Amino acid sequence: MATQRLTAFEQTVIAGMAEKAGLAATLLEAWVELPAGSVQSARSLIDAAQLNVTEEGATQGLLERSARLGLVESTPAGFRPRNGAHERFPRLAFALHAVEHYRSSVHRDATVAQVVLTRPPRPSVLEQKLSALGWRTAELEATEHAFHGMVRAARRRVVVMTPFFDSTGAAWLQQLLSYASPGVDRTLILRSLEDNTRKDYPFGFDAISPWIKAQGVRVFNYSIPRMDGGRETFHAKAVLCDRSAAYLGSSNVTAASLEHSMEMGVVLEGRAATGVAEVVDAVLAAATPWM
C-alpha cells in the first residue's frame, strides 16, 4: 500500500493542506491512533498530538479545510473521517511530512523578496488606512532594521548607493557601517562630489569625511560629463551586501527619508540580488574613485 501512487483525491487533499503541511501531518498521525469513526474537535486533536494550545486556531482552520476537501465531515460535536478516509491518514501524513521537509530544507526560491517600510511619524494616517485594509503593519519590517540585518550578515562587502546625502544621513550611515564585521569592505557611491555649489551636492560627505578616511571606507563619484552638456549619473537608491542580499527602494540617506517621509522598498535575496550586484559592479567601474 505504501508504494502505491497517490490517488487524484489524495493529491487534491495534499495540495489543499500544503500551506500548513507540518501541522496537518502531525494531526493526521495522531488521528490514526484514535477510533476510525470517532468525532474530534480542534482541542481534542491538539491534545492527542501533544501540541500547544496556541495551535488550536490553525487546527480548526485545517479541519474546516479538510471538510471542504471531502476528507472529513462536520458534525454538531466536531469532525469525523468520511467513509474510508481514516485508512488514508498514514499515507497522507507521510506525504505532508515530505512536503514540509522539502519546503523547509530543500527548496529555495530563485528570488526572495520582502517589503520593507519606513513609516511616517505617528500619528500616521497611512498606518490607520493600512490597518483598516487588514494589513498587520507590525509584520512589515522597518527599513532600518532590514539594513542592519543585511550589514551584520555581510561577509565580503557592503555598498551603499545614494544620490542624496545630508548631515543627518551621515550620522545614520556611520552607525550602519559600524555593524559590518571586521575585514568587510565598505563602499559609498555618491554623485555631484565634483561641484559643491550644486543643489544636490552630498553635504553629508563633508560631515563624516575624516571618519570615512580613517575607517578606510571607499568613496566613488558617479557623475560623468557628457558631450551634450549634460551628465551621466544616477537616481537609484541601493544597499548591497555581498552578492546575496540587496535593498532597492525609495529611501535616501537624508533626514527627510529617515525621519519624516513614508519610504518603501524591497530586500532581495537570490538571483535578483546577484543582478543588483552586477549593476553595482558596472557603476563602480564607470565611477571615479574619490577616496
Protein backbone atom coordinates (compact mmCIF):
# COMPACT_ATOMS: atom_id res chain seq x y z
CA MET A 1 0.00 0.00 0.00
CA ALA A 2 2.81 2.41 0.92
CA THR A 3 4.40 2.06 -2.55
CA GLN A 4 1.20 2.88 -4.45
CA ARG A 5 0.92 6.20 -6.23
CA LEU A 6 -1.19 8.86 -4.61
CA THR A 7 -4.71 8.91 -5.94
CA ALA A 8 -6.17 12.03 -7.53
CA PHE A 9 -8.18 12.61 -4.36
CA GLU A 10 -5.10 12.28 -2.14
CA GLN A 11 -3.18 14.69 -4.35
CA THR A 12 -6.03 17.20 -4.04
CA VAL A 13 -6.04 16.88 -0.24
CA ILE A 14 -2.25 17.34 -0.03
CA ALA A 15 -2.35 20.40 -2.29
CA GLY A 16 -5.13 21.86 -0.18
CA MET A 17 -3.27 21.34 3.09
CA ALA A 18 0.26 22.08 1.87
CA GLU A 19 0.32 25.60 3.32
CA LYS A 20 0.43 24.06 6.82
CA ALA A 21 1.84 20.70 5.82
CA GLY A 22 3.79 20.02 9.03
CA LEU A 23 0.86 20.69 11.33
CA ALA A 24 -1.52 18.72 9.10
CA ALA A 25 0.83 15.71 9.09
CA THR A 26 1.16 15.77 12.89
CA LEU A 27 -2.62 15.93 13.36
CA LEU A 28 -3.28 13.08 10.93
CA GLU A 29 -0.66 10.91 12.65
CA ALA A 30 -2.39 11.50 15.99
CA TRP A 31 -5.80 10.80 14.44
CA VAL A 32 -4.59 7.42 13.16
CA GLU A 33 -4.37 6.25 16.79
CA LEU A 34 -7.97 7.28 17.51
CA PRO A 35 -11.08 5.22 16.66
CA ALA A 36 -11.90 5.48 12.95
CA GLY A 37 -15.46 6.68 13.48
CA SER A 38 -14.83 8.98 16.42
CA VAL A 39 -15.71 12.65 16.34
CA GLN A 40 -12.83 15.00 17.07
CA SER A 41 -12.60 18.72 17.78
CA ALA A 42 -9.64 21.02 17.33
CA ARG A 43 -8.96 20.83 21.08
CA SER A 44 -9.14 17.02 21.25
CA LEU A 45 -6.78 16.69 18.28
CA ILE A 46 -4.13 19.03 19.62
CA ASP A 47 -4.32 17.16 22.93
CA ALA A 48 -3.87 13.83 21.10
CA ALA A 49 -0.95 15.24 19.13
CA GLN A 50 0.53 16.84 22.27
CA LEU A 51 0.58 20.26 20.66
CA ASN A 52 0.41 23.63 22.35
CA VAL A 53 -2.99 25.25 22.79
CA THR A 54 -1.76 28.09 20.58
CA GLU A 55 -2.21 25.70 17.62
CA GLU A 56 -5.94 25.39 18.22
CA GLY A 57 -6.92 28.15 15.78
CA ALA A 58 -4.76 26.74 12.97
CA THR A 59 -6.06 23.24 13.69
CA GLN A 60 -9.66 24.44 13.45
CA GLY A 61 -8.82 26.03 10.11
CA LEU A 62 -7.30 22.78 8.83
CA LEU A 63 -10.35 20.80 9.95
CA GLU A 64 -12.68 23.15 8.10
CA ARG A 65 -10.50 22.93 5.00
CA SER A 66 -10.43 19.14 5.27
CA ALA A 67 -14.22 19.14 5.30
CA ARG A 68 -14.32 21.23 2.14
CA LEU A 69 -11.85 18.82 0.52
CA GLY A 70 -14.04 15.87 1.41
CA LEU A 71 -11.61 14.20 3.80
CA VAL A 72 -13.77 14.68 6.90
CA GLU A 73 -17.32 15.75 7.56
CA SER A 74 -18.66 18.26 10.03
CA THR A 75 -20.96 17.21 12.86
CA PRO A 76 -22.52 19.23 15.69
CA ALA A 77 -19.80 17.94 18.03
CA GLY A 78 -16.81 18.27 15.71
CA PHE A 79 -15.41 16.39 12.71
CA ARG A 80 -15.13 12.74 11.72
CA PRO A 81 -13.45 11.00 8.78
CA ARG A 82 -15.63 10.26 5.77
CA ASN A 83 -16.12 6.64 4.85
CA GLY A 84 -12.75 5.04 4.11
CA ALA A 85 -10.78 8.24 4.73
CA HIS A 86 -9.32 7.19 8.09
CA GLU A 87 -7.23 4.45 6.45
CA ARG A 88 -5.69 7.06 4.15
CA PHE A 89 -4.37 9.15 7.04
CA PRO A 90 -0.94 7.41 7.33
CA ARG A 91 -0.20 7.90 3.62
CA LEU A 92 -1.38 11.49 3.70
CA ALA A 93 0.68 12.21 6.83
CA PHE A 94 3.81 10.74 5.22
CA ALA A 95 3.32 12.81 2.07
CA LEU A 96 2.66 16.01 4.03
CA HIS A 97 5.82 15.47 6.11
CA ALA A 98 7.70 15.19 2.80
CA VAL A 99 6.15 18.46 1.60
CA GLU A 100 7.19 20.22 4.83
CA HIS A 101 10.74 18.85 4.61
CA TYR A 102 11.09 19.97 1.01
CA ARG A 103 9.78 23.45 1.74
CA SER A 104 11.91 23.99 4.84
CA SER A 105 15.15 22.19 3.99
CA VAL A 106 15.42 21.58 0.25
CA HIS A 107 13.62 24.18 -1.83
CA ARG A 108 14.82 27.75 -2.16
CA ASP A 109 13.13 30.25 -4.43
CA ALA A 110 15.35 31.75 -7.13
CA THR A 111 14.44 35.14 -5.72
CA VAL A 112 13.11 36.01 -2.29
CA ALA A 113 11.66 39.49 -1.83
CA GLN A 114 10.45 41.17 1.36
CA VAL A 115 8.67 44.52 1.50
CA VAL A 116 10.23 46.95 3.99
CA LEU A 117 8.68 50.22 5.07
CA THR A 118 9.70 53.47 6.72
CA ARG A 119 6.56 54.81 8.37
CA PRO A 120 5.69 58.50 8.67
CA PRO A 121 5.82 59.84 12.26
CA ARG A 122 2.87 58.87 14.43
CA PRO A 123 0.01 59.50 14.42
CA SER A 124 0.10 58.29 10.81
CA VAL A 125 -2.97 58.34 8.56
CA LEU A 126 -1.20 55.83 6.29
CA GLU A 127 -0.83 53.31 9.10
CA GLN A 128 -4.51 53.75 10.01
CA LYS A 129 -5.54 53.04 6.42
CA LEU A 130 -3.25 50.00 6.19
CA SER A 131 -4.79 48.59 9.36
CA ALA A 132 -8.29 49.26 8.02
CA LEU A 133 -7.43 47.24 4.92
CA GLY A 134 -6.38 44.30 7.06
CA TRP A 135 -2.61 44.75 6.93
CA ARG A 136 -0.71 43.69 10.02
CA THR A 137 1.64 46.64 9.95
CA ALA A 138 3.78 45.17 12.72
CA GLU A 139 4.77 42.41 10.26
CA LEU A 140 6.14 44.92 7.75
CA GLU A 141 9.81 45.10 8.64
CA ALA A 142 11.19 48.56 9.24
CA THR A 143 13.68 49.66 6.59
CA GLU A 144 16.35 50.46 9.20
CA HIS A 145 16.05 47.03 10.83
CA ALA A 146 16.36 45.37 7.42
CA PHE A 147 19.53 47.35 6.67
CA HIS A 148 21.09 46.41 9.99
CA GLY A 149 20.39 42.72 9.47
CA MET A 150 21.85 42.77 5.97
CA VAL A 151 25.04 44.55 7.02
CA ARG A 152 25.63 42.29 10.02
CA ALA A 153 25.31 39.24 7.75
CA ALA A 154 27.74 40.54 5.10
CA ARG A 155 30.99 38.61 4.80
CA ARG A 156 32.82 40.39 1.97
CA ARG A 157 31.41 43.82 1.17
CA VAL A 158 28.75 46.42 1.86
CA VAL A 159 27.92 49.02 -0.81
CA VAL A 160 25.62 51.98 -0.15
CA MET A 161 24.49 53.88 -3.24
CA THR A 162 22.58 57.11 -2.60
CA PRO A 163 22.04 60.20 -4.77
CA PHE A 164 21.14 62.41 -1.79
CA PHE A 165 23.17 62.56 1.42
CA ASP A 166 22.87 65.13 4.21
CA SER A 167 24.34 65.53 7.72
CA THR A 168 21.55 63.52 9.35
CA GLY A 169 22.14 60.78 6.82
CA ALA A 170 25.87 60.93 7.55
CA ALA A 171 25.34 60.06 11.21
CA TRP A 172 22.97 57.27 10.19
CA LEU A 173 25.44 55.89 7.64
CA GLN A 174 28.27 55.94 10.16
CA GLN A 175 26.19 53.85 12.55
CA LEU A 176 25.08 51.47 9.78
CA LEU A 177 28.60 50.77 8.53
CA SER A 178 29.78 50.19 12.10
CA TYR A 179 27.68 46.99 12.10
CA ALA A 180 29.90 45.45 9.44
CA SER A 181 32.23 42.70 10.65
CA PRO A 182 36.00 43.37 10.69
CA GLY A 183 37.52 42.85 7.27
CA VAL A 184 34.32 43.56 5.33
CA ASP A 185 34.92 46.07 2.52
CA ARG A 186 32.71 49.18 2.78
CA THR A 187 31.93 51.37 -0.21
CA LEU A 188 29.85 54.53 -0.68
CA ILE A 189 28.65 55.67 -4.11
CA LEU A 190 27.63 59.34 -4.35
CA ARG A 191 27.11 61.92 -7.06
CA SER A 192 27.99 65.61 -7.57
CA LEU A 193 31.13 65.46 -5.42
CA GLU A 194 32.92 67.41 -8.15
CA ASP A 195 30.92 70.59 -7.52
CA ASN A 196 29.92 71.71 -4.02
CA THR A 197 27.77 74.50 -5.47
CA ARG A 198 25.25 72.08 -6.92
CA LYS A 199 21.90 71.77 -5.15
CA ASP A 200 22.36 68.01 -4.91
CA TYR A 201 25.90 68.18 -3.53
CA PRO A 202 26.13 65.48 -0.79
CA PHE A 203 26.94 67.62 2.25
CA GLY A 204 26.84 64.53 4.41
CA PHE A 205 30.15 63.57 2.86
CA ASP A 206 31.78 66.68 4.35
CA ALA A 207 30.23 65.86 7.73
CA ILE A 208 31.97 62.49 8.08
CA SER A 209 34.84 62.72 5.60
CA PRO A 210 37.53 62.34 8.34
CA TRP A 211 35.75 59.27 9.74
CA ILE A 212 35.38 57.76 6.26
CA LYS A 213 39.09 58.22 5.60
CA ALA A 214 40.12 56.84 8.99
CA GLN A 215 37.89 53.79 8.55
CA GLY A 216 39.08 53.02 5.04
CA VAL A 217 35.61 53.37 3.52
CA ARG A 218 35.94 53.67 -0.25
CA VAL A 219 34.04 56.51 -1.94
CA PHE A 220 33.11 56.75 -5.63
CA ASN A 221 31.60 59.68 -7.53
CA TYR A 222 29.25 58.64 -10.32
CA SER A 223 28.84 61.93 -12.15
CA ILE A 224 30.25 61.86 -15.68
CA PRO A 225 30.15 64.89 -18.04
CA ARG A 226 28.56 64.31 -21.43
CA MET A 227 29.40 65.91 -24.77
CA ASP A 228 25.88 67.38 -24.97
CA GLY A 229 26.48 69.45 -21.82
CA GLY A 230 24.57 67.13 -19.50
CA ARG A 231 25.96 64.40 -17.33
CA GLU A 232 25.59 60.71 -16.71
CA THR A 233 24.63 60.00 -13.10
CA PHE A 234 22.07 58.07 -11.05
CA HIS A 235 18.91 58.36 -9.01
CA ALA A 236 18.82 54.76 -7.74
CA LYS A 237 18.90 54.01 -4.01
CA ALA A 238 20.50 50.70 -3.12
CA VAL A 239 22.27 48.82 -0.37
CA LEU A 240 24.18 45.72 -1.49
CA CYS A 241 25.69 43.11 0.81
CA ASP A 242 27.99 40.61 -0.87
CA ARG A 243 26.12 39.29 -3.94
CA SER A 244 23.37 37.64 -1.93
CA ALA A 245 21.24 40.45 -0.45
CA ALA A 246 20.22 43.86 -1.72
CA TYR A 247 17.80 46.66 -0.91
CA LEU A 248 16.15 48.65 -3.68
CA GLY A 249 13.68 51.36 -2.83
CA SER A 250 12.83 55.00 -2.41
CA SER A 251 14.80 55.72 0.77
CA ASN A 252 17.52 58.38 0.57
CA VAL A 253 20.20 58.87 3.22
CA THR A 254 18.67 62.16 4.37
CA ALA A 255 16.64 63.45 7.27
CA ALA A 256 13.53 63.68 5.09
CA SER A 257 13.65 59.97 4.21
CA LEU A 258 14.91 58.65 7.53
CA GLU A 259 12.68 60.66 9.86
CA HIS A 260 9.70 62.19 8.06
CA SER A 261 8.54 60.51 4.84
CA MET A 262 6.95 57.18 4.06
CA GLU A 263 9.57 55.18 2.16
CA MET A 264 9.08 51.72 0.69
CA GLY A 265 11.40 49.19 -0.87
CA VAL A 266 12.22 45.51 -1.14
CA VAL A 267 15.02 43.40 0.27
CA LEU A 268 16.05 40.86 -2.35
CA GLU A 269 17.87 37.57 -1.92
CA GLY A 270 18.98 35.08 -4.54
CA ARG A 271 19.08 35.65 -8.29
CA ALA A 272 17.67 39.18 -8.16
CA ALA A 273 20.32 40.25 -5.64
CA THR A 274 23.00 38.92 -8.00
CA GLY A 275 21.51 41.09 -10.74
CA VAL A 276 21.78 44.14 -8.48
CA ALA A 277 25.40 43.24 -7.73
CA GLU A 278 26.23 43.13 -11.44
CA VAL A 279 24.78 46.60 -11.99
CA VAL A 280 26.62 47.97 -8.95
CA ASP A 281 29.89 46.49 -10.22
CA ALA A 282 29.33 48.27 -13.56
CA VAL A 283 28.63 51.55 -11.74
CA LEU A 284 31.86 51.19 -9.76
CA ALA A 285 33.76 50.58 -13.00
CA ALA A 286 32.26 53.74 -14.55
CA ALA A 287 32.50 55.99 -11.49
CA THR A 288 35.51 57.99 -10.32
CA PRO A 289 37.33 56.78 -7.18
CA TRP A 290 37.14 59.73 -4.77
CA MET A 291 38.68 58.40 -1.58
